Protein backbone atom coordinates (compact mmCIF):
# COMPACT_ATOMS: atom_id res chain seq x y z
CA MET A 1 16.27 11.77 8.94
CA PRO A 2 12.68 10.89 9.89
CA LYS A 3 12.05 8.75 12.63
CA ARG A 4 10.31 5.12 11.81
CA ILE A 5 7.38 3.87 13.15
CA LEU A 6 6.02 0.51 13.35
CA GLN A 7 3.49 -1.45 14.47
CA GLY A 8 3.26 -4.85 16.03
CA THR A 9 1.59 -6.61 19.24
CA VAL A 10 3.25 -7.08 22.91
CA THR A 11 4.46 -9.94 23.68
CA SER A 12 5.92 -9.31 27.07
CA ASP A 13 5.06 -6.74 29.52
CA LYS A 14 7.22 -8.66 32.47
CA ASN A 15 10.04 -6.01 33.04
CA GLU A 16 9.38 -2.61 34.32
CA GLN A 17 8.68 0.19 31.67
CA THR A 18 9.70 -2.25 28.93
CA ILE A 19 7.39 -4.21 26.86
CA THR A 20 8.78 -6.80 24.42
CA VAL A 21 6.79 -5.98 20.69
CA LEU A 22 6.54 -8.78 17.87
CA VAL A 23 6.48 -6.78 14.41
CA GLU A 24 5.36 -8.73 11.36
CA ARG A 25 6.65 -7.38 7.71
CA ARG A 26 5.67 -9.27 4.70
CA PHE A 27 7.01 -9.07 1.06
CA LYS A 28 7.11 -11.42 -2.05
CA HIS A 29 10.41 -13.52 -2.26
CA PRO A 30 12.02 -12.05 -5.25
CA LEU A 31 12.62 -15.15 -7.00
CA LEU A 32 9.58 -17.37 -6.08
CA GLN A 33 7.04 -14.51 -6.09
CA LYS A 34 5.58 -16.12 -3.07
CA THR A 35 4.84 -13.83 0.07
CA VAL A 36 6.80 -14.67 2.84
CA ARG A 37 6.26 -13.55 6.54
CA LYS A 38 9.06 -12.39 8.65
CA SER A 39 9.02 -11.01 12.29
CA LYS A 40 11.45 -9.45 14.90
CA LYS A 41 10.72 -8.53 18.41
CA TYR A 42 11.76 -5.19 19.51
CA ARG A 43 12.17 -3.85 23.28
CA ALA A 44 10.22 -0.33 23.65
CA HIS A 45 9.75 2.07 26.98
CA ASP A 46 6.66 2.13 28.42
CA ALA A 47 7.14 4.72 31.08
CA ALA A 48 3.61 4.38 32.37
CA ASN A 49 3.26 0.68 32.26
CA LYS A 50 -0.36 0.64 30.72
CA PHE A 51 0.23 -1.79 27.98
CA LYS A 52 -0.41 -5.25 28.67
CA VAL A 53 0.44 -8.84 26.56
CA GLY A 54 -2.00 -8.51 23.26
CA ASP A 55 -1.91 -4.97 22.86
CA THR A 56 -1.32 -3.72 19.19
CA VAL A 57 1.01 -0.51 19.85
CA ARG A 58 3.01 1.70 17.57
CA ILE A 59 6.64 2.34 18.36
CA GLU A 60 9.18 5.25 17.26
CA GLU A 61 12.85 5.13 17.03
CA CYS A 62 14.34 6.83 19.87
CA ALA A 63 18.01 7.40 21.37
CA PRO A 64 19.51 4.64 23.12
CA ILE A 65 17.45 4.31 26.56
CA SER A 66 19.15 1.05 27.96
CA LYS A 67 21.36 -1.71 25.96
CA THR A 68 18.81 -3.03 24.23
CA LYS A 69 16.19 -0.42 24.32
CA ARG A 70 16.02 1.80 21.08
CA TRP A 71 12.42 2.02 20.70
CA THR A 72 9.67 3.87 22.87
CA VAL A 73 5.71 3.38 22.15
CA VAL A 74 3.86 6.24 20.68
CA THR A 75 0.17 5.09 20.88
CA GLU A 76 -1.82 2.02 20.58
CA ALA A 77 -2.95 1.51 17.33
CA SER A 78 -6.48 1.61 16.31
CA ALA A 79 -7.91 -1.65 14.73
């Protein structure tokens, strides 16, 4: 099964080797046909501590690293 890759914005970099990434998804409501925005935060492993708040990054699924980390940073997303 392929690993999922998501793109989002870094909202926190306070922890060592960990960043919090806000991923937003948009979809049409099945009944109302209105575009709905939903967001979710993921904790991702950043071994080099190189990403800061506001950066746009791509994260990839991985084996559990800690209690809350199941994602790792792949690259900084291009604009």
